[in-house]
Amino acid sequence: MIAPLAKFIDWYALQFFWTLRLKSVGKWRVDAVNSKLAEALQFLNSPDFIPAESRPAQVLFTDSKHFTFPTPRPYEFAENNTVYGRLYRCAGNWQKHPVIILLHGGGDFLNHRLRFPWMVPACNRAGFNAATLVAPCHFQRRPRRLGGWDYLRTARAFAQGVAEIRALTGWFLDQGCPSVALFGVSLGGWFAGLTATSDPRLTAIVMVVPAVRTNYRVTRGEGILWTPVRKAFERQKAAREALDKTPMNLTLSQPVIPKENILLVQGRYDLFVEPENTEDLWQKWKHPDIWRLPHGHLSTLLTPGLTDRVLCWLALRLEVP
């Protein structure tokens, strides 16, 4: 894709996304987030952020495809303490096939509801089961009476997301599946990276235009025309710099799976997450595979043949019957 078009798509989405989102939930979403920073830093730097132990999820199917399970990290909002997902099984004895867990981005309705189901037939034909998860505080898990937000709630949501991925991984392995891989987009890529720094049971991860740290272009307010939002993000600079000294920053940790089983997919014209973030992670993680595509944050997944390329890459690393 030509650079001006890719950048325009990201720029337009940036204005629409933040204006719609922040006006709908109120100004507190930006300004009140400055509270409880000290508590968040203490939590993120403690062993409780990502504990060593992880128990398999207690999965309950509501029909042949949809499932739920209680989150292993329950917090204050009851509606956020139930995890929702979908499992698309391979034909026949699905337990003999590896699993790809698909992780959507922040507020990423299009991938979760449209693109991921569209990818499923290709996954099944390639010999992979495919599963999706709803991230904490997203979609039907979004708290109805939130009242406010702060850094401690953000940190707990990240801990919750990683714990749920690990719990579902354990359930699949207990069912007899030979291996589990993660395919994460944007925020989902960040979750995949955090999980790969703590859980050696994973076989492979694919991180597509991933966020790497809290201090990236969108959170700095760059390119946002709505002045109150841009100014509010600018006031959070010191807090983001403090958070980037914790394990939330992927460049400060090392993966516990082989680097040969890690794939980074970068959009060279990304206006949401700078390509430099992916380059920095690539350097710190000792040069895993990286695909540098001529796309932006949103258009990267529109790359022709990307799904098949990723599945071929995974097939070399997962035990496909």
Protein backbone atom coordinates (compact mmCIF):
# COMPACT_ATOMS: atom_id res chain seq x y z
CA MET A 1 0.00 0.00 0.00
CA ILE A 2 1.29 3.48 -0.80
CA ALA A 3 2.44 5.42 2.25
CA PRO A 4 0.04 8.41 1.97
CA LEU A 5 -3.02 6.16 1.83
CA ALA A 6 -1.88 3.96 4.74
CA LYS A 7 -1.12 7.03 6.85
CA PHE A 8 -4.43 8.69 5.96
CA ILE A 9 -6.38 5.61 7.09
CA ASP A 10 -4.56 5.63 10.42
CA TRP A 11 -4.90 9.41 10.82
CA TYR A 12 -8.62 9.40 10.10
CA ALA A 13 -9.21 6.47 12.45
CA LEU A 14 -7.16 8.25 15.11
CA GLN A 15 -9.42 11.31 15.05
CA PHE A 16 -12.61 9.26 14.90
CA PHE A 17 -11.58 6.69 17.53
CA TRP A 18 -10.43 9.05 20.26
CA THR A 19 -13.08 11.69 19.67
CA LEU A 20 -15.90 9.16 19.74
CA ARG A 21 -14.51 7.09 22.56
CA LEU A 22 -13.56 9.89 24.92
CA LYS A 23 -16.67 11.96 24.34
CA SER A 24 -18.85 8.90 24.93
CA VAL A 25 -17.28 7.94 28.26
CA GLY A 26 -16.52 11.43 29.51
CA LYS A 27 -13.49 13.60 30.13
CA TRP A 28 -12.57 11.59 33.25
CA ARG A 29 -11.27 8.83 30.96
CA VAL A 30 -8.30 11.07 30.16
CA ASP A 31 -7.85 13.30 33.21
CA ALA A 32 -8.78 11.03 36.12
CA VAL A 33 -6.33 8.40 34.94
CA ASN A 34 -3.57 10.23 36.85
CA SER A 35 -4.64 8.72 40.18
CA LYS A 36 -3.25 5.68 42.01
CA LEU A 37 0.02 5.70 40.08
CA ALA A 38 2.07 4.71 43.15
CA GLU A 39 -0.19 1.73 43.84
CA ALA A 40 0.02 0.68 40.20
CA LEU A 41 3.81 0.82 40.17
CA GLN A 42 3.98 -1.23 43.36
CA PHE A 43 1.65 -3.86 41.90
CA LEU A 44 3.45 -4.05 38.54
CA ASN A 45 6.84 -4.50 40.22
CA SER A 46 5.59 -7.24 42.55
CA PRO A 47 5.46 -11.00 41.87
CA ASP A 48 1.68 -10.72 42.01
CA PHE A 49 1.55 -9.01 38.60
CA ILE A 50 2.25 -12.27 36.73
CA PRO A 51 2.46 -15.12 39.28
CA ALA A 52 4.51 -18.21 38.57
CA GLU A 53 1.53 -20.53 39.05
CA SER A 54 -1.29 -20.80 36.53
CA ARG A 55 -4.19 -23.23 36.76
CA PRO A 56 -6.23 -24.41 33.75
CA ALA A 57 -9.43 -22.53 33.04
CA GLN A 58 -12.77 -24.03 34.08
CA VAL A 59 -14.25 -23.86 30.60
CA LEU A 60 -18.02 -24.20 30.15
CA PHE A 61 -19.51 -24.37 26.65
CA THR A 62 -22.85 -22.62 26.14
CA ASP A 63 -23.16 -24.20 22.67
CA SER A 64 -20.87 -25.98 20.22
CA LYS A 65 -18.72 -22.88 19.73
CA HIS A 66 -19.15 -20.33 22.52
CA PHE A 67 -17.61 -20.83 25.95
CA THR A 68 -17.08 -18.97 29.20
CA PHE A 69 -14.93 -19.42 32.28
CA PRO A 70 -14.38 -17.49 35.51
CA THR A 71 -11.38 -15.22 35.35
CA PRO A 72 -8.47 -16.43 37.48
CA ARG A 73 -7.93 -12.80 38.57
CA PRO A 74 -11.35 -11.50 39.74
CA TYR A 75 -11.61 -7.81 40.53
CA GLU A 76 -14.26 -5.32 41.55
CA PHE A 77 -16.58 -5.46 38.52
CA ALA A 78 -18.76 -8.57 38.38
CA GLU A 79 -19.43 -8.34 34.62
CA ASN A 80 -15.68 -8.28 33.94
CA ASN A 81 -15.04 -11.46 35.94
CA THR A 82 -16.51 -13.80 33.32
CA VAL A 83 -14.35 -14.53 30.28
CA TYR A 84 -16.04 -15.08 26.92
CA GLY A 85 -14.57 -16.89 23.94
CA ARG A 86 -15.22 -18.95 20.84
CA LEU A 87 -13.60 -22.21 19.78
CA TYR A 88 -13.53 -23.25 16.12
CA ARG A 89 -12.53 -26.90 16.10
CA CYS A 90 -10.86 -28.87 13.34
CA ALA A 91 -12.99 -31.66 11.95
CA GLY A 92 -12.55 -35.05 13.55
CA ASN A 93 -10.51 -35.43 16.71
CA TRP A 94 -9.79 -31.76 17.36
CA GLN A 95 -7.68 -32.52 20.45
CA LYS A 96 -4.93 -33.90 18.20
CA HIS A 97 -4.50 -30.51 16.53
CA PRO A 98 -2.60 -27.44 17.77
CA VAL A 99 -4.48 -24.29 18.76
CA ILE A 100 -4.09 -20.66 17.75
CA ILE A 101 -5.58 -18.19 20.26
CA LEU A 102 -6.57 -14.97 18.45
CA LEU A 103 -6.26 -11.79 20.55
CA HIS A 104 -7.94 -8.58 19.42
CA GLY A 105 -6.71 -5.02 19.93
CA GLY A 106 -8.06 -2.27 22.17
CA GLY A 107 -11.71 -1.65 21.30
CA ASP A 108 -11.07 -3.80 18.23
CA PHE A 109 -14.59 -4.85 17.28
CA LEU A 110 -13.71 -5.34 13.60
CA ASN A 111 -11.06 -7.99 14.17
CA HIS A 112 -12.88 -9.75 16.98
CA ARG A 113 -16.24 -9.96 15.24
CA LEU A 114 -15.33 -9.95 11.55
CA ARG A 115 -11.72 -10.63 10.61
CA PHE A 116 -11.00 -13.41 13.12
CA PRO A 117 -14.04 -15.49 12.06
CA TRP A 118 -13.02 -14.85 8.44
CA MET A 119 -9.56 -16.32 9.24
CA VAL A 120 -10.99 -19.46 10.84
CA PRO A 121 -11.55 -21.58 7.69
CA ALA A 122 -7.94 -21.03 6.65
CA CYS A 123 -6.77 -21.98 10.15
CA ASN A 124 -8.86 -25.17 10.14
CA ARG A 125 -7.73 -26.15 6.64
CA ALA A 126 -4.13 -25.72 7.76
CA GLY A 127 -4.74 -28.12 10.66
CA PHE A 128 -5.18 -25.61 13.50
CA ASN A 129 -7.98 -25.15 15.97
CA ALA A 130 -8.73 -21.45 16.43
CA ALA A 131 -10.02 -19.72 19.55
CA THR A 132 -10.89 -16.12 20.41
CA LEU A 133 -11.02 -14.34 23.77
CA VAL A 134 -12.69 -11.13 24.87
CA ALA A 135 -10.06 -9.00 26.61
CA PRO A 136 -10.76 -7.54 30.07
CA CYS A 137 -13.16 -4.57 30.12
CA HIS A 138 -14.07 -5.05 26.45
CA PHE A 139 -17.43 -5.65 24.76
CA GLN A 140 -19.77 -7.63 27.02
CA ARG A 141 -17.17 -7.48 29.81
CA ARG A 142 -17.19 -3.69 29.96
CA PRO A 143 -18.27 -2.52 33.45
CA ARG A 144 -21.61 -0.74 33.37
CA ARG A 145 -20.90 1.43 36.42
CA LEU A 146 -17.27 2.25 36.02
CA GLY A 147 -17.39 5.71 37.56
CA GLY A 148 -13.74 6.44 36.86
CA TRP A 149 -10.46 4.97 35.77
CA ASP A 150 -6.95 4.98 37.17
CA TYR A 151 -3.54 3.43 36.60
CA LEU A 152 -4.10 0.68 39.16
CA ARG A 153 -7.17 -0.53 37.28
CA THR A 154 -5.12 -0.48 34.07
CA ALA A 155 -2.39 -2.58 35.68
CA ARG A 156 -4.92 -5.05 37.04
CA ALA A 157 -6.60 -5.35 33.64
CA PHE A 158 -3.24 -6.28 32.10
CA ALA A 159 -2.60 -8.86 34.83
CA GLN A 160 -6.09 -10.23 34.28
CA GLY A 161 -5.62 -10.50 30.51
CA VAL A 162 -2.34 -12.41 30.80
CA ALA A 163 -3.76 -14.73 33.49
CA GLU A 164 -6.75 -15.59 31.28
CA ILE A 165 -4.56 -16.41 28.28
CA ARG A 166 -2.40 -18.65 30.45
CA ALA A 167 -5.46 -20.34 31.97
CA LEU A 168 -6.95 -21.09 28.55
CA THR A 169 -3.55 -22.35 27.35
CA GLY A 170 -3.50 -24.78 30.27
CA TRP A 171 -7.01 -25.99 29.46
CA PHE A 172 -6.11 -26.73 25.83
CA LEU A 173 -3.00 -28.63 26.88
CA ASP A 174 -5.04 -30.61 29.41
CA GLN A 175 -7.45 -31.55 26.59
CA GLY A 176 -4.53 -33.17 24.77
CA CYS A 177 -3.76 -30.49 22.18
CA PRO A 178 -0.08 -30.82 21.27
CA SER A 179 0.75 -27.08 21.24
CA VAL A 180 -0.67 -23.59 21.63
CA ALA A 181 0.27 -20.41 19.78
CA LEU A 182 -0.89 -16.80 20.20
CA PHE A 183 -1.80 -14.41 17.38
CA GLY A 184 -2.23 -10.92 18.81
CA VAL A 185 -3.03 -7.59 17.14
CA SER A 186 -2.01 -4.26 18.71
CA LEU A 187 -3.10 -4.59 22.38
CA GLY A 188 -3.48 -8.33 21.74
CA GLY A 189 0.13 -8.40 20.56
CA TRP A 190 1.15 -6.69 23.80
CA PHE A 191 -0.74 -9.36 25.79
CA ALA A 192 0.93 -12.08 23.71
CA GLY A 193 4.37 -10.62 24.41
CA LEU A 194 3.72 -10.37 28.16
CA THR A 195 2.51 -13.98 28.20
CA ALA A 196 5.60 -15.13 26.30
CA THR A 197 7.82 -13.58 28.97
CA SER A 198 6.19 -15.70 31.67
CA ASP A 199 4.81 -18.97 30.28
CA PRO A 200 7.16 -21.50 28.61
CA ARG A 201 4.20 -23.75 27.70
CA LEU A 202 3.52 -21.59 24.66
CA THR A 203 5.02 -22.89 21.45
CA ALA A 204 4.94 -19.72 19.34
CA ILE A 205 3.58 -16.17 19.22
CA VAL A 206 2.77 -13.78 16.39
CA MET A 207 2.66 -10.08 17.35
CA VAL A 208 1.04 -7.90 14.68
CA VAL A 209 1.65 -4.11 14.99
CA PRO A 210 2.04 -4.66 18.74
CA ALA A 211 2.17 -2.05 21.45
CA VAL A 212 5.43 -2.53 23.35
CA ARG A 213 5.26 0.08 26.13
CA THR A 214 2.81 2.64 27.50
CA ASN A 215 4.60 5.66 26.03
CA TYR A 216 3.80 5.39 22.33
CA ARG A 217 2.48 7.83 19.74
CA VAL A 218 -1.22 7.64 20.53
CA THR A 219 -0.77 7.99 24.29
CA ARG A 220 1.44 11.03 23.73
CA GLY A 221 -1.43 12.67 21.86
CA GLU A 222 0.56 13.09 18.67
CA GLY A 223 -1.61 13.64 15.62
CA ILE A 224 -4.83 14.09 17.62
CA LEU A 225 -6.64 17.26 16.54
CA TRP A 226 -9.02 17.48 19.51
CA THR A 227 -7.05 19.85 21.76
CA PRO A 228 -8.45 18.79 25.19
CA VAL A 229 -7.51 15.18 24.51
CA ARG A 230 -4.06 16.07 23.23
CA LYS A 231 -3.34 18.31 26.23
CA ALA A 232 -4.59 15.69 28.68
CA PHE A 233 -2.28 13.05 27.19
CA GLU A 234 0.64 15.47 27.35
CA ARG A 235 0.05 15.89 31.09
CA GLN A 236 0.45 12.13 31.57
CA LYS A 237 3.99 12.00 30.20
CA ALA A 238 5.72 11.55 33.58
CA ALA A 239 3.30 8.79 34.61
CA ARG A 240 3.86 6.88 31.36
CA GLU A 241 7.62 7.16 31.78
CA ALA A 242 7.27 5.64 35.26
CA LEU A 243 5.10 2.80 33.96
CA ASP A 244 7.68 2.07 31.28
CA LYS A 245 10.16 1.17 34.01
CA THR A 246 7.97 -1.78 35.03
CA PRO A 247 7.40 -5.20 33.39
CA MET A 248 4.61 -3.67 31.28
CA ASN A 249 7.46 -2.52 29.04
CA LEU A 250 8.26 -5.59 26.95
CA THR A 251 11.81 -4.43 26.22
CA LEU A 252 12.71 -4.86 29.91
CA SER A 253 11.96 -8.61 29.91
CA GLN A 254 13.07 -11.61 27.88
CA PRO A 255 10.74 -14.24 26.39
CA VAL A 256 10.82 -17.72 27.89
CA ILE A 257 10.16 -19.36 24.52
CA PRO A 258 12.78 -19.70 21.75
CA LYS A 259 13.29 -16.56 19.67
CA GLU A 260 12.89 -18.74 16.55
CA ASN A 261 9.23 -19.13 17.56
CA ILE A 262 8.50 -15.40 17.77
CA LEU A 263 7.26 -13.38 14.80
CA LEU A 264 6.92 -9.58 14.82
CA VAL A 265 4.83 -7.96 12.08
CA GLN A 266 5.55 -4.26 11.71
CA GLY A 267 3.64 -1.62 9.75
CA ARG A 268 6.26 0.79 8.43
CA TYR A 269 3.71 3.63 8.16
CA ASP A 270 2.01 2.96 11.51
CA LEU A 271 0.61 6.17 13.08
CA PHE A 272 -0.69 4.45 16.23
CA VAL A 273 2.47 2.62 17.36
CA GLU A 274 5.78 3.82 15.98
CA PRO A 275 7.74 1.24 13.97
CA GLU A 276 10.70 2.20 16.17
CA ASN A 277 8.99 0.42 19.07
CA THR A 278 8.99 -2.85 17.17
CA GLU A 279 12.60 -2.31 16.11
CA ASP A 280 13.58 -1.74 19.74
CA LEU A 281 11.81 -4.93 20.81
CA TRP A 282 13.44 -6.83 17.95
CA GLN A 283 16.85 -5.69 19.19
CA LYS A 284 16.17 -6.41 22.88
CA TRP A 285 14.70 -9.84 22.12
CA LYS A 286 17.82 -10.80 20.14
CA HIS A 287 16.46 -10.63 16.61
CA PRO A 288 13.44 -12.93 16.27
CA ASP A 289 11.71 -13.08 12.89
CA ILE A 290 10.31 -9.75 11.78
CA TRP A 291 8.26 -8.82 8.74
CA ARG A 292 8.39 -5.11 7.87
CA LEU A 293 5.32 -4.41 5.74
CA PRO A 294 4.55 -1.23 3.77
CA HIS A 295 1.33 -0.57 5.70
CA GLY A 296 -0.14 1.38 8.59
CA HIS A 297 -1.60 0.17 11.87
CA LEU A 298 -5.02 -0.61 10.42
CA SER A 299 -4.07 -1.61 6.89
CA THR A 300 -1.41 -4.17 7.89
CA LEU A 301 -4.01 -6.91 8.32
CA LEU A 302 -5.26 -6.14 4.81
CA THR A 303 -1.95 -7.30 3.34
CA PRO A 304 -2.82 -9.85 0.62
CA GLY A 305 -1.90 -13.36 1.69
CA LEU A 306 -0.83 -12.37 5.21
CA THR A 307 -2.99 -15.03 6.90
CA ASP A 308 -1.59 -17.81 4.73
CA ARG A 309 1.97 -16.59 5.30
CA VAL A 310 1.46 -16.59 9.06
CA LEU A 311 -0.11 -20.06 8.99
CA CYS A 312 2.82 -21.41 6.97
CA TRP A 313 5.21 -19.85 9.48
CA LEU A 314 3.30 -21.44 12.37
CA ALA A 315 3.05 -24.83 10.66
CA LEU A 316 6.83 -25.12 10.78
CA ARG A 317 6.77 -24.66 14.55
CA LEU A 318 3.59 -26.35 15.76
CA GLU A 319 2.82 -30.06 15.65
CA VAL A 320 0.31 -30.20 12.84
CA PRO A 321 -0.98 -33.77 12.23
